């Protein structure tokens, strides 16, 4: 798949963002249906996203993007390992997903701070997505069994919508706000 830069971001990044928004809205609208199998599905999604970010991180060559590349590769490793743990041990799903959301939020905040000079909507959405990831991770960790049936689908849905918005508004030629 080729990537074409547009005013609002690379085409493939915008498509990924649109998919995240749609899936996120579905999770919010019907959380009880999405609770069925969500733990394993989230594990698979984290692995898939991690593999994508390994690929993207390895393709960023300029010195200016070096720090962003490091953040991308760190998050990718956390996502792949965490996703594998969720799939292998689904009973630990809430714990692993909570930790993954915390890690994802922290790395997203790091990337947002690197992009602060790019200012604008993408930067603000990256800050919001990072803060939301941290907050949602804490809620999932503290909600207990209730998290898997209602809270988790709702928070994952909101997190995906914020992620999608930050991807859709990524600066042309830049790294998406959420890695």
Foldseek 3Di string as FASTA:
>chain_A
DDWDFDQQATPVLLVQLVVLLVLLVVLQVDVQVCLVVVLLVQLVVLQVQLVVLLVVLVPDDDPLCPVVSVLSNVLSVLSNVLSVCCNVPVVCSLVSQLVNLLSQLVSLLVLLVSCVVVDDDLSVLSPVLSVLSNVLSVCSVPVPPVCSRRVVSNSSSVSSNSQSVQSSRAGGPDDGSGD
